[in-house]
Amino acid sequence: TRVGPQQSRIGLNQMFPWFGTLSAKGDVATEQAKSQ
C-alpha cells in the first residue's frame, strides 16, 4: 500500500439478534422452569 506492506490482520465480530429476541427466549425458558 502507499503507507507500507500489510503483513497481518486481526478481526472481531459480534452478531446481535433482532430486538427483544433474547428476552423472548428467556421468557420461554422461565415458563418451562416454572412448569418443571
PDB file of all heavy atoms in Angstrom:
ATOM      1  N   THR A   1       0.852  -1.192   0.000  1.00  0.00           N
ATOM      2  CA  THR A   1       0.000   0.000   0.000  1.00  0.00           C
ATOM      3  C   THR A   1       0.884   1.236   0.000  1.00  0.00           C
ATOM      4  O   THR A   1       2.120   1.147   0.103  1.00  0.00           O
ATOM      5  CB  THR A   1      -0.911   0.011   1.226  1.00  0.00           C
ATOM      6  OG1 THR A   1      -0.108   0.170   2.397  1.00  0.00           O
ATOM      7  CG2 THR A   1      -1.713  -1.273   1.353  1.00  0.00           C
ATOM      8  N   ARG A   2       0.266   2.384  -0.100  1.00  0.00           N
ATOM      9  CA  ARG A   2       1.043   3.632  -0.157  1.00  0.00           C
ATOM     10  C   ARG A   2       1.846   3.838   1.104  1.00  0.00           C
ATOM     11  O   ARG A   2       2.951   4.396   1.074  1.00  0.00           O
ATOM     12  CB  ARG A   2       0.080   4.813  -0.359  1.00  0.00           C
ATOM     13  CG  ARG A   2       0.790   6.173  -0.514  1.00  0.00           C
ATOM     14  CD  ARG A   2      -0.218   7.284  -0.641  1.00  0.00           C
ATOM     15  NE  ARG A   2      -1.004   7.418   0.574  1.00  0.00           N
ATOM     16  CZ  ARG A   2      -0.590   8.133   1.640  1.00  0.00           C
ATOM     17  NH1 ARG A   2       0.587   8.720   1.649  1.00  0.00           N
ATOM     18  NH2 ARG A   2      -1.353   8.214   2.713  1.00  0.00           N
ATOM     19  N   VAL A   3       1.296   3.387   2.250  1.00  0.00           N
ATOM     20  CA  VAL A   3       1.981   3.639   3.527  1.00  0.00           C
ATOM     21  C   VAL A   3       2.804   2.445   3.982  1.00  0.00           C
ATOM     22  O   VAL A   3       3.310   2.435   5.100  1.00  0.00           O
ATOM     23  CB  VAL A   3       0.966   4.034   4.601  1.00  0.00           C
ATOM     24  CG1 VAL A   3       0.313   5.362   4.266  1.00  0.00           C
ATOM     25  CG2 VAL A   3      -0.074   2.935   4.781  1.00  0.00           C
ATOM     26  N   GLY A   4       2.879   1.385   3.131  1.00  0.00           N
ATOM     27  CA  GLY A   4       3.706   0.250   3.504  1.00  0.00           C
ATOM     28  C   GLY A   4       3.005  -1.071   3.258  1.00  0.00           C
ATOM     29  O   GLY A   4       1.788  -1.126   3.009  1.00  0.00           O
ATOM     30  N   PRO A   5       3.716  -2.184   3.361  1.00  0.00           N
ATOM     31  CA  PRO A   5       3.123  -3.508   3.125  1.00  0.00           C
ATOM     32  C   PRO A   5       2.302  -3.987   4.329  1.00  0.00           C
ATOM     33  O   PRO A   5       2.724  -3.841   5.470  1.00  0.00           O
ATOM     34  CB  PRO A   5       4.342  -4.404   2.902  1.00  0.00           C
ATOM     35  CG  PRO A   5       5.444  -3.730   3.668  1.00  0.00           C
ATOM     36  CD  PRO A   5       5.188  -2.254   3.564  1.00  0.00           C
ATOM     37  N   GLN A   6       1.143  -4.535   4.016  1.00  0.00           N
ATOM     38  CA  GLN A   6       0.281  -5.099   5.076  1.00  0.00           C
ATOM     39  C   GLN A   6       0.725  -6.536   5.347  1.00  0.00           C
ATOM     40  O   GLN A   6       0.719  -7.376   4.454  1.00  0.00           O
ATOM     41  CB  GLN A   6      -1.186  -5.054   4.658  1.00  0.00           C
ATOM     42  CG  GLN A   6      -1.744  -3.645   4.512  1.00  0.00           C
ATOM     43  CD  GLN A   6      -3.203  -3.637   4.091  1.00  0.00           C
ATOM     44  OE1 GLN A   6      -3.730  -4.648   3.628  1.00  0.00           O
ATOM     45  NE2 GLN A   6      -3.854  -2.485   4.241  1.00  0.00           N
ATOM     46  N   GLN A   7       1.051  -6.830   6.616  1.00  0.00           N
ATOM     47  CA  GLN A   7       1.604  -8.129   6.973  1.00  0.00           C
ATOM     48  C   GLN A   7       0.551  -9.090   7.545  1.00  0.00           C
ATOM     49  O   GLN A   7       0.559 -10.285   7.247  1.00  0.00           O
ATOM     50  CB  GLN A   7       2.717  -7.935   8.014  1.00  0.00           C
ATOM     51  CG  GLN A   7       3.905  -7.141   7.500  1.00  0.00           C
ATOM     52  CD  GLN A   7       4.706  -7.907   6.467  1.00  0.00           C
ATOM     53  OE1 GLN A   7       4.583  -9.131   6.345  1.00  0.00           O
ATOM     54  NE2 GLN A   7       5.517  -7.189   5.701  1.00  0.00           N
ATOM     55  N   SER A   8      -0.353  -8.611   8.393  1.00  0.00           N
ATOM     56  CA  SER A   8      -1.350  -9.481   9.040  1.00  0.00           C
ATOM     57  C   SER A   8      -2.536  -8.635   9.487  1.00  0.00           C
ATOM     58  O   SER A   8      -2.467  -7.396   9.489  1.00  0.00           O
ATOM     59  CB  SER A   8      -0.727 -10.215  10.244  1.00  0.00           C
ATOM     60  OG  SER A   8      -0.238  -9.263  11.180  1.00  0.00           O
ATOM     61  N   ARG A   9      -3.569  -9.334   9.884  1.00  0.00           N
ATOM     62  CA  ARG A   9      -4.762  -8.629  10.363  1.00  0.00           C
ATOM     63  C   ARG A   9      -5.448  -9.459  11.451  1.00  0.00           C
ATOM     64  O   ARG A   9      -5.356 -10.690  11.459  1.00  0.00           O
ATOM     65  CB  ARG A   9      -5.730  -8.348   9.215  1.00  0.00           C
ATOM     66  CG  ARG A   9      -6.350  -9.597   8.599  1.00  0.00           C
ATOM     67  CD  ARG A   9      -7.040  -9.293   7.285  1.00  0.00           C
ATOM     68  NE  ARG A   9      -8.118  -8.334   7.450  1.00  0.00           N
ATOM     69  CZ  ARG A   9      -8.706  -7.698   6.419  1.00  0.00           C
ATOM     70  NH1 ARG A   9      -8.275  -7.927   5.189  1.00  0.00           N
ATOM     71  NH2 ARG A   9      -9.679  -6.854   6.638  1.00  0.00           N
ATOM     72  N   ILE A  10      -6.113  -8.786  12.342  1.00  0.00           N
ATOM     73  CA  ILE A  10      -6.892  -9.448  13.388  1.00  0.00           C
ATOM     74  C   ILE A  10      -8.287  -8.823  13.392  1.00  0.00           C
ATOM     75  O   ILE A  10      -8.431  -7.599  13.219  1.00  0.00           O
ATOM     76  CB  ILE A  10      -6.228  -9.322  14.768  1.00  0.00           C
ATOM     77  CG1 ILE A  10      -6.984 -10.139  15.817  1.00  0.00           C
ATOM     78  CG2 ILE A  10      -6.110  -7.860  15.205  1.00  0.00           C
ATOM     79  CD1 ILE A  10      -6.247 -10.238  17.150  1.00  0.00           C
ATOM     80  N   GLY A  11      -9.298  -9.659  13.544  1.00  0.00           N
ATOM     81  CA  GLY A  11     -10.669  -9.157  13.482  1.00  0.00           C
ATOM     82  C   GLY A  11     -11.548  -9.739  14.588  1.00  0.00           C
ATOM     83  O   GLY A  11     -11.303 -10.840  15.086  1.00  0.00           O
ATOM     84  N   LEU A  12     -12.551  -8.980  14.978  1.00  0.00           N
ATOM     85  CA  LEU A  12     -13.514  -9.409  15.996  1.00  0.00           C
ATOM     86  C   LEU A  12     -14.908  -9.032  15.520  1.00  0.00           C
ATOM     87  O   LEU A  12     -15.150  -7.878  15.140  1.00  0.00           O
ATOM     88  CB  LEU A  12     -13.217  -8.740  17.337  1.00  0.00           C
ATOM     89  CG  LEU A  12     -14.118  -9.150  18.507  1.00  0.00           C
ATOM     90  CD1 LEU A  12     -13.896 -10.608  18.863  1.00  0.00           C
ATOM     91  CD2 LEU A  12     -13.848  -8.255  19.725  1.00  0.00           C
ATOM     92  N   ASN A  13     -15.839 -10.016  15.536  1.00  0.00           N
ATOM     93  CA  ASN A  13     -17.209  -9.784  15.067  1.00  0.00           C
ATOM     94  C   ASN A  13     -18.204 -10.298  16.099  1.00  0.00           C
ATOM     95  O   ASN A  13     -18.014 -11.374  16.677  1.00  0.00           O
ATOM     96  CB  ASN A  13     -17.454 -10.499  13.726  1.00  0.00           C
ATOM     97  CG  ASN A  13     -16.631  -9.910  12.607  1.00  0.00           C
ATOM     98  OD1 ASN A  13     -16.892  -8.815  12.129  1.00  0.00           O
ATOM     99  ND2 ASN A  13     -15.608 -10.650  12.185  1.00  0.00           N
ATOM    100  N   GLN A  14     -19.255  -9.547  16.319  1.00  0.00           N
ATOM    101  CA  GLN A  14     -20.316  -9.927  17.246  1.00  0.00           C
ATOM    102  C   GLN A  14     -21.659  -9.781  16.540  1.00  0.00           C
ATOM    103  O   GLN A  14     -21.985  -8.722  16.008  1.00  0.00           O
ATOM    104  CB  GLN A  14     -20.292  -9.045  18.493  1.00  0.00           C
ATOM    105  CG  GLN A  14     -21.443  -9.295  19.463  1.00  0.00           C
ATOM    106  CD  GLN A  14     -21.367 -10.670  20.092  1.00  0.00           C
ATOM    107  OE1 GLN A  14     -20.412 -10.976  20.787  1.00  0.00           O
ATOM    108  NE2 GLN A  14     -22.368 -11.508  19.846  1.00  0.00           N
ATOM    109  N   MET A  15     -22.467 -10.871  16.556  1.00  0.00           N
ATOM    110  CA  MET A  15     -23.794 -10.832  15.964  1.00  0.00           C
ATOM    111  C   MET A  15     -24.822 -10.489  17.035  1.00  0.00           C
ATOM    112  O   MET A  15     -24.716 -10.914  18.187  1.00  0.00           O
ATOM    113  CB  MET A  15     -24.145 -12.178  15.329  1.00  0.00           C
ATOM    114  CG  MET A  15     -23.311 -12.541  14.105  1.00  0.00           C
ATOM    115  SD  MET A  15     -23.454 -11.355  12.755  1.00  0.00           S
ATOM    116  CE  MET A  15     -25.208 -11.470  12.355  1.00  0.00           C
ATOM    117  N   PHE A  16     -25.842  -9.744  16.645  1.00  0.00           N
ATOM    118  CA  PHE A  16     -26.925  -9.336  17.538  1.00  0.00           C
ATOM    119  C   PHE A  16     -28.257  -9.745  16.920  1.00  0.00           C
ATOM    120  O   PHE A  16     -28.537  -9.383  15.768  1.00  0.00           O
ATOM    121  CB  PHE A  16     -26.910  -7.817  17.761  1.00  0.00           C
ATOM    122  CG  PHE A  16     -25.671  -7.319  18.442  1.00  0.00           C
ATOM    123  CD1 PHE A  16     -24.571  -6.916  17.686  1.00  0.00           C
ATOM    124  CD2 PHE A  16     -25.589  -7.265  19.820  1.00  0.00           C
ATOM    125  CE1 PHE A  16     -23.423  -6.458  18.299  1.00  0.00           C
ATOM    126  CE2 PHE A  16     -24.437  -6.807  20.448  1.00  0.00           C
ATOM    127  CZ  PHE A  16     -23.350  -6.405  19.685  1.00  0.00           C
ATOM    128  N   PRO A  17     -29.078 -10.510  17.654  1.00  0.00           N
ATOM    129  CA  PRO A  17     -30.396 -10.873  17.109  1.00  0.00           C
ATOM    130  C   PRO A  17     -31.323  -9.670  17.093  1.00  0.00           C
ATOM    131  O   PRO A  17     -31.011  -8.605  17.629  1.00  0.00           O
ATOM    132  CB  PRO A  17     -30.889 -11.952  18.077  1.00  0.00           C
ATOM    133  CG  PRO A  17     -30.198 -11.644  19.360  1.00  0.00           C
ATOM    134  CD  PRO A  17     -28.854 -11.069  18.997  1.00  0.00           C
ATOM    135  N   TRP A  18     -32.481  -9.870  16.491  1.00  0.00           N
ATOM    136  CA  TRP A  18     -33.471  -8.804  16.409  1.00  0.00           C
ATOM    137  C   TRP A  18     -33.902  -8.374  17.822  1.00  0.00           C
ATOM    138  O   TRP A  18     -33.871  -9.149  18.762  1.00  0.00           O
ATOM    139  CB  TRP A  18     -34.676  -9.264  15.593  1.00  0.00           C
ATOM    140  CG  TRP A  18     -35.659  -8.165  15.291  1.00  0.00           C
ATOM    141  CD1 TRP A  18     -36.840  -7.934  15.912  1.00  0.00           C
ATOM    142  CD2 TRP A  18     -35.523  -7.139  14.306  1.00  0.00           C
ATOM    143  NE1 TRP A  18     -37.466  -6.840  15.393  1.00  0.00           N
ATOM    144  CE2 TRP A  18     -36.671  -6.317  14.392  1.00  0.00           C
ATOM    145  CE3 TRP A  18     -34.544  -6.826  13.354  1.00  0.00           C
ATOM    146  CZ2 TRP A  18     -36.891  -5.218  13.570  1.00  0.00           C
ATOM    147  CZ3 TRP A  18     -34.758  -5.733  12.527  1.00  0.00           C
ATOM    148  CH2 TRP A  18     -35.914  -4.941  12.644  1.00  0.00           C
ATOM    149  N   PHE A  19     -34.302  -7.118  17.917  1.00  0.00           N
ATOM    150  CA  PHE A  19     -34.642  -6.543  19.214  1.00  0.00           C
ATOM    151  C   PHE A  19     -35.702  -7.382  19.937  1.00  0.00           C
ATOM    152  O   PHE A  19     -36.750  -7.681  19.376  1.00  0.00           O
ATOM    153  CB  PHE A  19     -35.167  -5.115  19.024  1.00  0.00           C
ATOM    154  CG  PHE A  19     -34.248  -4.245  18.208  1.00  0.00           C
ATOM    155  CD1 PHE A  19     -34.529  -3.958  16.878  1.00  0.00           C
ATOM    156  CD2 PHE A  19     -33.081  -3.756  18.757  1.00  0.00           C
ATOM    157  CE1 PHE A  19     -33.676  -3.166  16.124  1.00  0.00           C
ATOM    158  CE2 PHE A  19     -32.224  -2.968  18.014  1.00  0.00           C
ATOM    159  CZ  PHE A  19     -32.517  -2.671  16.684  1.00  0.00           C
ATOM    160  N   GLY A  20     -35.396  -7.728  21.172  1.00  0.00           N
ATOM    161  CA  GLY A  20     -36.345  -8.460  22.007  1.00  0.00           C
ATOM    162  C   GLY A  20     -36.285  -9.968  21.861  1.00  0.00           C
ATOM    163  O   GLY A  20     -37.000 -10.692  22.577  1.00  0.00           O
ATOM    164  N   THR A  21     -35.429 -10.471  20.946  1.00  0.00           N
ATOM    165  CA  THR A  21     -35.374 -11.925  20.731  1.00  0.00           C
ATOM    166  C   THR A  21     -34.839 -12.647  21.968  1.00  0.00           C
ATOM    167  O   THR A  21     -35.388 -13.672  22.398  1.00  0.00           O
ATOM    168  CB  THR A  21     -34.496 -12.251  19.514  1.00  0.00           C
ATOM    169  OG1 THR A  21     -35.031 -11.621  18.360  1.00  0.00           O
ATOM    170  CG2 THR A  21     -34.439 -13.761  19.285  1.00  0.00           C
ATOM    171  N   LEU A  22     -33.779 -12.132  22.555  1.00  0.00           N
ATOM    172  CA  LEU A  22     -33.180 -12.797  23.715  1.00  0.00           C
ATOM    173  C   LEU A  22     -34.122 -12.796  24.913  1.00  0.00           C
ATOM    174  O   LEU A  22     -34.234 -13.806  25.630  1.00  0.00           O
ATOM    175  CB  LEU A  22     -31.861 -12.116  24.081  1.00  0.00           C
ATOM    176  CG  LEU A  22     -30.732 -12.245  23.054  1.00  0.00           C
ATOM    177  CD1 LEU A  22     -29.479 -11.548  23.563  1.00  0.00           C
ATOM    178  CD2 LEU A  22     -30.441 -13.712  22.754  1.00  0.00           C
ATOM    179  N   SER A  23     -34.807 -11.681  25.153  1.00  0.00           N
ATOM    180  CA  SER A  23     -35.737 -11.639  26.285  1.00  0.00           C
ATOM    181  C   SER A  23     -36.907 -12.586  26.057  1.00  0.00           C
ATOM    182  O   SER A  23     -37.401 -13.218  27.005  1.00  0.00           O
ATOM    183  CB  SER A  23     -36.244 -10.213  26.500  1.00  0.00           C
ATOM    184  OG  SER A  23     -36.953  -9.758  25.355  1.00  0.00           O
ATOM    185  N   ALA A  24     -37.345 -12.719  24.788  1.00  0.00           N
ATOM    186  CA  ALA A  24     -38.427 -13.660  24.480  1.00  0.00           C
ATOM    187  C   ALA A  24     -37.978 -15.099  24.726  1.00  0.00           C
ATOM    188  O   ALA A  24     -38.731 -15.918  25.273  1.00  0.00           O
ATOM    189  CB  ALA A  24     -38.883 -13.487  23.037  1.00  0.00           C
ATOM    190  N   LYS A  25     -36.742 -15.417  24.351  1.00  0.00           N
ATOM    191  CA  LYS A  25     -36.218 -16.762  24.631  1.00  0.00           C
ATOM    192  C   LYS A  25     -36.111 -16.994  26.136  1.00  0.00           C
ATOM    193  O   LYS A  25     -36.358 -18.101  26.625  1.00  0.00           O
ATOM    194  CB  LYS A  25     -34.845 -16.935  23.981  1.00  0.00           C
ATOM    195  CG  LYS A  25     -34.889 -17.054  22.466  1.00  0.00           C
ATOM    196  CD  LYS A  25     -33.493 -17.299  21.905  1.00  0.00           C
ATOM    197  CE  LYS A  25     -33.538 -17.510  20.398  1.00  0.00           C
ATOM    198  NZ  LYS A  25     -32.196 -17.766  19.828  1.00  0.00           N
ATOM    199  N   GLY A  26     -35.726 -15.945  26.882  1.00  0.00           N
ATOM    200  CA  GLY A  26     -35.673 -16.067  28.331  1.00  0.00           C
ATOM    201  C   GLY A  26     -37.039 -16.328  28.928  1.00  0.00           C
ATOM    202  O   GLY A  26     -37.174 -17.107  29.879  1.00  0.00           O
ATOM    203  N   ASP A  27     -38.068 -15.688  28.361  1.00  0.00           N
ATOM    204  CA  ASP A  27     -39.435 -15.925  28.838  1.00  0.00           C
ATOM    205  C   ASP A  27     -39.859 -17.370  28.603  1.00  0.00           C
ATOM    206  O   ASP A  27     -40.509 -17.984  29.458  1.00  0.00           O
ATOM    207  CB  ASP A  27     -40.406 -14.971  28.133  1.00  0.00           C
ATOM    208  CG  ASP A  27     -40.190 -13.524  28.539  1.00  0.00           C
ATOM    209  OD1 ASP A  27     -39.654 -13.292  29.633  1.00  0.00           O
ATOM    210  OD2 ASP A  27     -40.554 -12.624  27.760  1.00  0.00           O
ATOM    211  N   VAL A  28     -39.480 -17.910  27.449  1.00  0.00           N
ATOM    212  CA  VAL A  28     -39.804 -19.317  27.152  1.00  0.00           C
ATOM    213  C   VAL A  28     -39.156 -20.232  28.185  1.00  0.00           C
ATOM    214  O   VAL A  28     -39.811 -21.116  28.757  1.00  0.00           O
ATOM    215  CB  VAL A  28     -39.324 -19.696  25.732  1.00  0.00           C
ATOM    216  CG1 VAL A  28     -39.467 -21.206  25.508  1.00  0.00           C
ATOM    217  CG2 VAL A  28     -40.121 -18.951  24.682  1.00  0.00           C
ATOM    218  N   ALA A  29     -37.870 -20.020  28.451  1.00  0.00           N
ATOM    219  CA  ALA A  29     -37.154 -20.882  29.393  1.00  0.00           C
ATOM    220  C   ALA A  29     -37.674 -20.703  30.819  1.00  0.00           C
ATOM    221  O   ALA A  29     -37.763 -21.672  31.577  1.00  0.00           O
ATOM    222  CB  ALA A  29     -35.657 -20.573  29.339  1.00  0.00           C
ATOM    223  N   THR A  30     -38.031 -19.469  31.181  1.00  0.00           N
ATOM    224  CA  THR A  30     -38.543 -19.221  32.535  1.00  0.00           C
ATOM    225  C   THR A  30     -39.860 -19.956  32.766  1.00  0.00           C
ATOM    226  O   THR A  30     -40.064 -20.587  33.818  1.00  0.00           O
ATOM    227  CB  THR A  30     -38.738 -17.716  32.757  1.00  0.00           C
ATOM    228  OG1 THR A  30     -37.474 -17.045  32.627  1.00  0.00           O
ATOM    229  CG2 THR A  30     -39.304 -17.444  34.142  1.00  0.00           C
ATOM    230  N   GLU A  31     -40.756 -19.866  31.795  1.00  0.00           N
ATOM    231  CA  GLU A  31     -42.045 -20.555  31.935  1.00  0.00           C
ATOM    232  C   GLU A  31     -41.860 -22.068  31.930  1.00  0.00           C
ATOM    233  O   GLU A  31     -42.583 -22.788  32.635  1.00  0.00           O
ATOM    234  CB  GLU A  31     -42.991 -20.132  30.806  1.00  0.00           C
ATOM    235  CG  GLU A  31     -43.349 -18.650  30.795  1.00  0.00           C
ATOM    236  CD  GLU A  31     -44.030 -18.211  32.075  1.00  0.00           C
ATOM    237  OE1 GLU A  31     -44.753 -19.020  32.677  1.00  0.00           O
ATOM    238  OE2 GLU A  31     -43.832 -17.047  32.481  1.00  0.00           O
ATOM    239  N   GLN A  32     -40.901 -22.564  31.178  1.00  0.00           N
ATOM    240  CA  GLN A  32     -40.619 -24.002  31.188  1.00  0.00           C
ATOM    241  C   GLN A  32     -40.089 -24.435  32.554  1.00  0.00           C
ATOM    242  O   GLN A  32     -40.423 -25.523  33.042  1.00  0.00           O
ATOM    243  CB  GLN A  32     -39.601 -24.342  30.095  1.00  0.00           C
ATOM    244  CG  GLN A  32     -40.167 -24.365  28.694  1.00  0.00           C
ATOM    245  CD  GLN A  32     -41.125 -25.516  28.455  1.00  0.00           C
ATOM    246  OE1 GLN A  32     -41.208 -26.460  29.240  1.00  0.00           O
ATOM    247  NE2 GLN A  32     -41.885 -25.437  27.380  1.00  0.00           N
ATOM    248  N   ALA A  33     -39.271 -23.590  33.178  1.00  0.00           N
ATOM    249  CA  ALA A  33     -38.763 -23.920  34.513  1.00  0.00           C
ATOM    250  C   ALA A  33     -39.908 -23.947  35.524  1.00  0.00           C
ATOM    251  O   ALA A  33     -39.964 -24.835  36.394  1.00  0.00           O
ATOM    252  CB  ALA A  33     -37.707 -22.898  34.937  1.00  0.00           C
ATOM    253  N   LYS A  34     -40.830 -22.992  35.417  1.00  0.00           N
ATOM    254  CA  LYS A  34     -41.996 -22.990  36.303  1.00  0.00           C
ATOM    255  C   LYS A  34     -42.830 -24.249  36.079  1.00  0.00           C
ATOM    256  O   LYS A  34     -43.358 -24.839  37.033  1.00  0.00           O
ATOM    257  CB  LYS A  34     -42.839 -21.746  36.055  1.00  0.00           C
ATOM    258  CG  LYS A  34     -42.172 -20.443  36.475  1.00  0.00           C
ATOM    259  CD  LYS A  34     -43.058 -19.251  36.147  1.00  0.00           C
ATOM    260  CE  LYS A  34     -42.396 -17.930  36.547  1.00  0.00           C
ATOM    261  NZ  LYS A  34     -43.246 -16.770  36.193  1.00  0.00           N
ATOM    262  N   SER A  35     -42.948 -24.641  34.824  1.00  0.00           N
ATOM    263  CA  SER A  35     -43.691 -25.875  34.508  1.00  0.00           C
ATOM    264  C   SER A  35     -43.018 -27.086  35.136  1.00  0.00           C
ATOM    265  O   SER A  35     -43.693 -27.976  35.672  1.00  0.00           O
ATOM    266  CB  SER A  35     -43.777 -26.042  32.987  1.00  0.00           C
ATOM    267  OG  SER A  35     -44.343 -27.287  32.650  1.00  0.00           O
ATOM    268  N   GLN A  36     -41.678 -27.107  35.106  1.00  0.00           N
ATOM    269  CA  GLN A  36     -40.956 -28.232  35.702  1.00  0.00           C
ATOM    270  C   GLN A  36     -41.134 -28.272  37.213  1.00  0.00           C
ATOM    271  O   GLN A  36     -41.198 -29.348  37.810  1.00  0.00           O
ATOM    272  CB  GLN A  36     -39.471 -28.133  35.361  1.00  0.00           C
ATOM    273  CG  GLN A  36     -38.633 -29.298  35.844  1.00  0.00           C
ATOM    274  CD  GLN A  36     -39.103 -30.637  35.301  1.00  0.00           C
ATOM    275  OE1 GLN A  36     -39.349 -30.774  34.109  1.00  0.00           O
ATOM    276  NE2 GLN A  36     -39.239 -31.630  36.173  1.00  0.00           N
TER     277      GLN A  36
END
